[in-house]
Amino acid sequence: MKNRILELLLSIHPDYDYANSNNYIEDGLLDSYDMMVLITELEDSYNIMIDPVEIIPENFANLEALCTLITNYKDN
């Protein structure tokens, strides 16, 4: 899952170092537009619908947070 999410992130900005960032938003790697693109890609890739209440910075802070978010949807 981590590799697929990393691929999706790199499809948005191939020159960013997502693998070594602890906070994509604070580090300027994801802005609100990027988050919407990523949400669409995640929903398509994992056949899920992310609830708008889950679209908070903490859930998109880093690779671990994104994996947790997706895992929670896949387990339901």
PDB file of N, CA and C in Angstrom:
ATOM      1  N   MET A   1       0.823  -1.188   0.000  1.00  0.00           N
ATOM      2  CA  MET A   1       0.000   0.000   0.000  1.00  0.00           C
ATOM      3  C   MET A   1       0.872   1.258   0.000  1.00  0.00           C
ATOM      4  N   LYS A   2       1.930   1.251   0.803  1.00  0.00           N
ATOM      5  CA  LYS A   2       2.793   2.431   0.871  1.00  0.00           C
ATOM      6  C   LYS A   2       3.360   2.784  -0.497  1.00  0.00           C
ATOM      7  N   ASN A   3       3.798   1.769  -1.224  1.00  0.00           N
ATOM      8  CA  ASN A   3       4.383   2.032  -2.534  1.00  0.00           C
ATOM      9  C   ASN A   3       3.365   2.642  -3.488  1.00  0.00           C
ATOM     10  N   ARG A   4       2.137   2.149  -3.460  1.00  0.00           N
ATOM     11  CA  ARG A   4       1.089   2.678  -4.347  1.00  0.00           C
ATOM     12  C   ARG A   4       0.762   4.122  -3.973  1.00  0.00           C
ATOM     13  N   ILE A   5       0.639   4.415  -2.702  1.00  0.00           N
ATOM     14  CA  ILE A   5       0.349   5.784  -2.278  1.00  0.00           C
ATOM     15  C   ILE A   5       1.502   6.701  -2.661  1.00  0.00           C
ATOM     16  N   LEU A   6       2.706   6.234  -2.486  1.00  0.00           N
ATOM     17  CA  LEU A   6       3.873   7.026  -2.879  1.00  0.00           C
ATOM     18  C   LEU A   6       3.866   7.288  -4.387  1.00  0.00           C
ATOM     19  N   GLU A   7       3.487   6.300  -5.169  1.00  0.00           N
ATOM     20  CA  GLU A   7       3.365   6.488  -6.621  1.00  0.00           C
ATOM     21  C   GLU A   7       2.338   7.562  -6.943  1.00  0.00           C
ATOM     22  N   LEU A   8       1.208   7.538  -6.239  1.00  0.00           N
ATOM     23  CA  LEU A   8       0.173   8.540  -6.478  1.00  0.00           C
ATOM     24  C   LEU A   8       0.673   9.935  -6.120  1.00  0.00           C
ATOM     25  N   LEU A   9       1.363  10.039  -4.997  1.00  0.00           N
ATOM     26  CA  LEU A   9       1.921  11.332  -4.590  1.00  0.00           C
ATOM     27  C   LEU A   9       2.922  11.835  -5.631  1.00  0.00           C
ATOM     28  N   LEU A  10       3.769  10.951  -6.095  1.00  0.00           N
ATOM     29  CA  LEU A  10       4.789  11.343  -7.074  1.00  0.00           C
ATOM     30  C   LEU A  10       4.183  11.677  -8.428  1.00  0.00           C
ATOM     31  N   SER A  11       2.999  11.166  -8.709  1.00  0.00           N
ATOM     32  CA  SER A  11       2.326  11.542  -9.950  1.00  0.00           C
ATOM     33  C   SER A  11       1.842  12.991  -9.885  1.00  0.00           C
ATOM     34  N   ILE A  12       1.644  13.497  -8.682  1.00  0.00           N
ATOM     35  CA  ILE A  12       1.238  14.895  -8.504  1.00  0.00           C
ATOM     36  C   ILE A  12       2.447  15.811  -8.626  1.00  0.00           C
ATOM     37  N   HIS A  13       3.517  15.468  -7.915  1.00  0.00           N
ATOM     38  CA  HIS A  13       4.762  16.248  -7.943  1.00  0.00           C
ATOM     39  C   HIS A  13       5.950  15.283  -7.934  1.00  0.00           C
ATOM     40  N   PRO A  14       6.425  14.887  -9.098  1.00  0.00           N
ATOM     41  CA  PRO A  14       7.508  13.903  -9.167  1.00  0.00           C
ATOM     42  C   PRO A  14       8.821  14.359  -8.542  1.00  0.00           C
ATOM     43  N   ASP A  15       8.993  15.643  -8.370  1.00  0.00           N
ATOM     44  CA  ASP A  15      10.257  16.161  -7.848  1.00  0.00           C
ATOM     45  C   ASP A  15      10.268  16.339  -6.332  1.00  0.00           C
ATOM     46  N   TYR A  16       9.178  16.011  -5.658  1.00  0.00           N
ATOM     47  CA  TYR A  16       9.103  16.169  -4.202  1.00  0.00           C
ATOM     48  C   TYR A  16       9.571  14.898  -3.498  1.00  0.00           C
ATOM     49  N   ASP A  17      10.117  15.067  -2.318  1.00  0.00           N
ATOM     50  CA  ASP A  17      10.631  13.937  -1.536  1.00  0.00           C
ATOM     51  C   ASP A  17       9.605  13.525  -0.465  1.00  0.00           C
ATOM     52  N   TYR A  18       8.532  12.910  -0.910  1.00  0.00           N
ATOM     53  CA  TYR A  18       7.474  12.486   0.009  1.00  0.00           C
ATOM     54  C   TYR A  18       7.951  11.412   0.981  1.00  0.00           C
ATOM     55  N   ALA A  19       8.839  10.556   0.547  1.00  0.00           N
ATOM     56  CA  ALA A  19       9.287   9.438   1.380  1.00  0.00           C
ATOM     57  C   ALA A  19      10.007   9.899   2.642  1.00  0.00           C
ATOM     58  N   ASN A  20      10.631  11.058   2.606  1.00  0.00           N
ATOM     59  CA  ASN A  20      11.407  11.526   3.751  1.00  0.00           C
ATOM     60  C   ASN A  20      10.785  12.700   4.495  1.00  0.00           C
ATOM     61  N   SER A  21       9.549  13.028   4.185  1.00  0.00           N
ATOM     62  CA  SER A  21       8.868  14.129   4.874  1.00  0.00           C
ATOM     63  C   SER A  21       7.975  13.572   5.979  1.00  0.00           C
ATOM     64  N   ASN A  22       8.006  14.229   7.120  1.00  0.00           N
ATOM     65  CA  ASN A  22       7.126  13.844   8.226  1.00  0.00           C
ATOM     66  C   ASN A  22       5.812  14.595   8.220  1.00  0.00           C
ATOM     67  N   ASN A  23       5.757  15.698   7.463  1.00  0.00           N
ATOM     68  CA  ASN A  23       4.515  16.456   7.386  1.00  0.00           C
ATOM     69  C   ASN A  23       4.432  17.146   6.033  1.00  0.00           C
ATOM     70  N   TYR A  24       3.680  16.528   5.124  1.00  0.00           N
ATOM     71  CA  TYR A  24       3.568  17.026   3.761  1.00  0.00           C
ATOM     72  C   TYR A  24       3.020  18.448   3.698  1.00  0.00           C
ATOM     73  N   ILE A  25       2.085  18.755   4.565  1.00  0.00           N
ATOM     74  CA  ILE A  25       1.457  20.072   4.520  1.00  0.00           C
ATOM     75  C   ILE A  25       2.407  21.137   5.057  1.00  0.00           C
ATOM     76  N   GLU A  26       2.989  20.907   6.223  1.00  0.00           N
ATOM     77  CA  GLU A  26       3.931  21.871   6.794  1.00  0.00           C
ATOM     78  C   GLU A  26       5.165  22.046   5.917  1.00  0.00           C
ATOM     79  N   ASP A  27       5.580  20.978   5.239  1.00  0.00           N
ATOM     80  CA  ASP A  27       6.757  21.052   4.368  1.00  0.00           C
ATOM     81  C   ASP A  27       6.432  21.629   2.989  1.00  0.00           C
ATOM     82  N   GLY A  28       5.159  21.945   2.759  1.00  0.00           N
ATOM     83  CA  GLY A  28       4.754  22.533   1.486  1.00  0.00           C
ATOM     84  C   GLY A  28       4.658  21.550   0.334  1.00  0.00           C
ATOM     85  N   LEU A  29       4.535  20.263   0.633  1.00  0.00           N
ATOM     86  CA  LEU A  29       4.456  19.245  -0.407  1.00  0.00           C
ATOM     87  C   LEU A  29       3.030  18.998  -0.885  1.00  0.00           C
ATOM     88  N   LEU A  30       2.042  19.339  -0.071  1.00  0.00           N
ATOM     89  CA  LEU A  30       0.637  19.193  -0.445  1.00  0.00           C
ATOM     90  C   LEU A  30      -0.107  20.478  -0.101  1.00  0.00           C
ATOM     91  N   ASP A  31      -0.790  21.038  -1.088  1.00  0.00           N
ATOM     92  CA  ASP A  31      -1.690  22.150  -0.806  1.00  0.00           C
ATOM     93  C   ASP A  31      -3.123  21.640  -0.980  1.00  0.00           C
ATOM     94  N   SER A  32      -4.099  22.505  -0.848  1.00  0.00           N
ATOM     95  CA  SER A  32      -5.495  22.064  -0.895  1.00  0.00           C
ATOM     96  C   SER A  32      -5.852  21.452  -2.254  1.00  0.00           C
ATOM     97  N   TYR A  33      -5.343  22.011  -3.322  1.00  0.00           N
ATOM     98  CA  TYR A  33      -5.610  21.441  -4.647  1.00  0.00           C
ATOM     99  C   TYR A  33      -4.983  20.049  -4.766  1.00  0.00           C
ATOM    100  N   ASP A  34      -3.739  19.925  -4.335  1.00  0.00           N
ATOM    101  CA  ASP A  34      -3.064  18.626  -4.384  1.00  0.00           C
ATOM    102  C   ASP A  34      -3.822  17.578  -3.572  1.00  0.00           C
ATOM    103  N   MET A  35      -4.359  17.997  -2.428  1.00  0.00           N
ATOM    104  CA  MET A  35      -5.122  17.065  -1.596  1.00  0.00           C
ATOM    105  C   MET A  35      -6.353  16.562  -2.339  1.00  0.00           C
ATOM    106  N   MET A  36      -7.035  17.443  -3.051  1.00  0.00           N
ATOM    107  CA  MET A  36      -8.224  17.023  -3.787  1.00  0.00           C
ATOM    108  C   MET A  36      -7.862  16.057  -4.918  1.00  0.00           C
ATOM    109  N   VAL A  37      -6.763  16.325  -5.601  1.00  0.00           N
ATOM    110  CA  VAL A  37      -6.296  15.411  -6.639  1.00  0.00           C
ATOM    111  C   VAL A  37      -5.945  14.058  -6.013  1.00  0.00           C
ATOM    112  N   LEU A  38      -5.231  14.093  -4.900  1.00  0.00           N
ATOM    113  CA  LEU A  38      -4.846  12.856  -4.224  1.00  0.00           C
ATOM    114  C   LEU A  38      -6.070  12.082  -3.744  1.00  0.00           C
ATOM    115  N   ILE A  39      -7.037  12.767  -3.194  1.00  0.00           N
ATOM    116  CA  ILE A  39      -8.262  12.100  -2.732  1.00  0.00           C
ATOM    117  C   ILE A  39      -8.934  11.363  -3.887  1.00  0.00           C
ATOM    118  N   THR A  40      -9.054  12.013  -5.021  1.00  0.00           N
ATOM    119  CA  THR A  40      -9.657  11.382  -6.193  1.00  0.00           C
ATOM    120  C   THR A  40      -8.872  10.144  -6.605  1.00  0.00           C
ATOM    121  N   GLU A  41      -7.557  10.258  -6.616  1.00  0.00           N
ATOM    122  CA  GLU A  41      -6.711   9.121  -6.998  1.00  0.00           C
ATOM    123  C   GLU A  41      -6.829   7.976  -5.985  1.00  0.00           C
ATOM    124  N   LEU A  42      -6.848   8.302  -4.703  1.00  0.00           N
ATOM    125  CA  LEU A  42      -6.995   7.271  -3.665  1.00  0.00           C
ATOM    126  C   LEU A  42      -8.338   6.571  -3.779  1.00  0.00           C
ATOM    127  N   GLU A  43      -9.390   7.355  -3.973  1.00  0.00           N
ATOM    128  CA  GLU A  43     -10.723   6.766  -4.086  1.00  0.00           C
ATOM    129  C   GLU A  43     -10.803   5.836  -5.293  1.00  0.00           C
ATOM    130  N   ASP A  44     -10.229   6.258  -6.402  1.00  0.00           N
ATOM    131  CA  ASP A  44     -10.245   5.419  -7.606  1.00  0.00           C
ATOM    132  C   ASP A  44      -9.389   4.166  -7.427  1.00  0.00           C
ATOM    133  N   SER A  45      -8.222   4.333  -6.850  1.00  0.00           N
ATOM    134  CA  SER A  45      -7.290   3.207  -6.697  1.00  0.00           C
ATOM    135  C   SER A  45      -7.779   2.158  -5.716  1.00  0.00           C
ATOM    136  N   TYR A  46      -8.428   2.600  -4.651  1.00  0.00           N
ATOM    137  CA  TYR A  46      -8.827   1.673  -3.591  1.00  0.00           C
ATOM    138  C   TYR A  46     -10.332   1.429  -3.529  1.00  0.00           C
ATOM    139  N   ASN A  47     -11.056   1.973  -4.515  1.00  0.00           N
ATOM    140  CA  ASN A  47     -12.503   1.784  -4.587  1.00  0.00           C
ATOM    141  C   ASN A  47     -13.195   2.136  -3.264  1.00  0.00           C
ATOM    142  N   ILE A  48     -12.885   3.329  -2.784  1.00  0.00           N
ATOM    143  CA  ILE A  48     -13.458   3.823  -1.535  1.00  0.00           C
ATOM    144  C   ILE A  48     -14.016   5.227  -1.775  1.00  0.00           C
ATOM    145  N   MET A  49     -14.773   5.721  -0.825  1.00  0.00           N
ATOM    146  CA  MET A  49     -15.240   7.112  -0.821  1.00  0.00           C
ATOM    147  C   MET A  49     -14.819   7.713   0.509  1.00  0.00           C
ATOM    148  N   ILE A  50     -13.921   8.672   0.475  1.00  0.00           N
ATOM    149  CA  ILE A  50     -13.433   9.304   1.694  1.00  0.00           C
ATOM    150  C   ILE A  50     -14.455  10.337   2.150  1.00  0.00           C
ATOM    151  N   ASP A  51     -14.901  10.178   3.371  1.00  0.00           N
ATOM    152  CA  ASP A  51     -15.886  11.075   3.964  1.00  0.00           C
ATOM    153  C   ASP A  51     -15.272  12.464   4.120  1.00  0.00           C
ATOM    154  N   PRO A  52     -16.001  13.507   3.761  1.00  0.00           N
ATOM    155  CA  PRO A  52     -15.466  14.866   3.897  1.00  0.00           C
ATOM    156  C   PRO A  52     -14.966  15.209   5.304  1.00  0.00           C
ATOM    157  N   VAL A  53     -15.535  14.611   6.339  1.00  0.00           N
ATOM    158  CA  VAL A  53     -15.059  14.899   7.701  1.00  0.00           C
ATOM    159  C   VAL A  53     -13.669  14.336   7.946  1.00  0.00           C
ATOM    160  N   GLU A  54     -13.218  13.415   7.085  1.00  0.00           N
ATOM    161  CA  GLU A  54     -11.884  12.831   7.205  1.00  0.00           C
ATOM    162  C   GLU A  54     -10.817  13.640   6.468  1.00  0.00           C
ATOM    163  N   ILE A  55     -11.258  14.660   5.738  1.00  0.00           N
ATOM    164  CA  ILE A  55     -10.315  15.476   4.968  1.00  0.00           C
ATOM    165  C   ILE A  55      -9.774  16.577   5.872  1.00  0.00           C
ATOM    166  N   ILE A  56      -8.852  16.154   6.718  1.00  0.00           N
ATOM    167  CA  ILE A  56      -8.195  17.050   7.666  1.00  0.00           C
ATOM    168  C   ILE A  56      -6.683  16.878   7.519  1.00  0.00           C
ATOM    169  N   PRO A  57      -5.924  17.903   7.845  1.00  0.00           N
ATOM    170  CA  PRO A  57      -4.469  17.825   7.661  1.00  0.00           C
ATOM    171  C   PRO A  57      -3.813  16.612   8.303  1.00  0.00           C
ATOM    172  N   GLU A  58      -4.288  16.197   9.458  1.00  0.00           N
ATOM    173  CA  GLU A  58      -3.681  15.068  10.164  1.00  0.00           C
ATOM    174  C   GLU A  58      -3.732  13.780   9.343  1.00  0.00           C
ATOM    175  N   ASN A  59      -4.778  13.606   8.555  1.00  0.00           N
ATOM    176  CA  ASN A  59      -4.917  12.383   7.754  1.00  0.00           C
ATOM    177  C   ASN A  59      -4.075  12.399   6.488  1.00  0.00           C
ATOM    178  N   PHE A  60      -3.501  13.553   6.168  1.00  0.00           N
ATOM    179  CA  PHE A  60      -2.706  13.700   4.956  1.00  0.00           C
ATOM    180  C   PHE A  60      -1.294  14.180   5.266  1.00  0.00           C
ATOM    181  N   ALA A  61      -0.888  14.039   6.518  1.00  0.00           N
ATOM    182  CA  ALA A  61       0.397  14.580   6.967  1.00  0.00           C
ATOM    183  C   ALA A  61       1.600  13.836   6.390  1.00  0.00           C
ATOM    184  N   ASN A  62       1.475  12.521   6.253  1.00  0.00           N
ATOM    185  CA  ASN A  62       2.616  11.732   5.784  1.00  0.00           C
ATOM    186  C   ASN A  62       2.124  10.374   5.283  1.00  0.00           C
ATOM    187  N   LEU A  63       3.055   9.567   4.861  1.00  0.00           N
ATOM    188  CA  LEU A  63       2.718   8.269   4.292  1.00  0.00           C
ATOM    189  C   LEU A  63       1.996   7.371   5.297  1.00  0.00           C
ATOM    190  N   GLU A  64       2.446   7.376   6.543  1.00  0.00           N
ATOM    191  CA  GLU A  64       1.799   6.554   7.586  1.00  0.00           C
ATOM    192  C   GLU A  64       0.347   6.973   7.808  1.00  0.00           C
ATOM    193  N   ALA A  65       0.108   8.279   7.872  1.00  0.00           N
ATOM    194  CA  ALA A  65      -1.253   8.782   8.084  1.00  0.00           C
ATOM    195  C   ALA A  65      -2.161   8.397   6.920  1.00  0.00           C
ATOM    196  N   LEU A  66      -1.643   8.487   5.710  1.00  0.00           N
ATOM    197  CA  LEU A  66      -2.430   8.097   4.540  1.00  0.00           C
ATOM    198  C   LEU A  66      -2.725   6.601   4.543  1.00  0.00           C
ATOM    199  N   CYS A  67      -1.755   5.798   4.912  1.00  0.00           N
ATOM    200  CA  CYS A  67      -1.979   4.346   4.999  1.00  0.00           C
ATOM    201  C   CYS A  67      -3.047   4.026   6.031  1.00  0.00           C
ATOM    202  N   THR A  68      -2.996   4.693   7.159  1.00  0.00           N
ATOM    203  CA  THR A  68      -4.005   4.486   8.205  1.00  0.00           C
ATOM    204  C   THR A  68      -5.393   4.866   7.707  1.00  0.00           C
ATOM    205  N   LEU A  69      -5.480   6.000   7.026  1.00  0.00           N
ATOM    206  CA  LEU A  69      -6.760   6.451   6.487  1.00  0.00           C
ATOM    207  C   LEU A  69      -7.329   5.413   5.526  1.00  0.00           C
ATOM    208  N   ILE A  70      -6.530   4.953   4.595  1.00  0.00           N
ATOM    209  CA  ILE A  70      -6.996   3.976   3.605  1.00  0.00           C
ATOM    210  C   ILE A  70      -7.341   2.652   4.270  1.00  0.00           C
ATOM    211  N   THR A  71      -6.519   2.211   5.201  1.00  0.00           N
ATOM    212  CA  THR A  71      -6.778   0.952   5.901  1.00  0.00           C
ATOM    213  C   THR A  71      -8.110   1.003   6.636  1.00  0.00           C
ATOM    214  N   ASN A  72      -8.411   2.122   7.261  1.00  0.00           N
ATOM    215  CA  ASN A  72      -9.681   2.263   7.972  1.00  0.00           C
ATOM    216  C   ASN A  72     -10.862   2.117   7.033  1.00  0.00           C
ATOM    217  N   TYR A  73     -10.751   2.604   5.820  1.00  0.00           N
ATOM    218  CA  TYR A  73     -11.829   2.467   4.852  1.00  0.00           C
ATOM    219  C   TYR A  73     -11.897   1.057   4.292  1.00  0.00           C
ATOM    220  N   LYS A  74     -10.769   0.452   4.062  1.00  0.00           N
ATOM    221  CA  LYS A  74     -10.755  -0.906   3.504  1.00  0.00           C
ATOM    222  C   LYS A  74     -11.278  -1.921   4.508  1.00  0.00           C
ATOM    223  N   ASP A  75     -11.127  -1.636   5.796  1.00  0.00           N
ATOM    224  CA  ASP A  75     -11.592  -2.560   6.818  1.00  0.00           C
ATOM    225  C   ASP A  75     -13.083  -2.472   7.074  1.00  0.00           C
ATOM    226  N   ASN A  76     -13.727  -1.437   6.548  1.00  0.00           N
ATOM    227  CA  ASN A  76     -15.171  -1.247   6.782  1.00  0.00           C
ATOM    228  C   ASN A  76     -15.999  -1.857   5.689  1.00  0.00           C
TER     229      ASN A  76
END
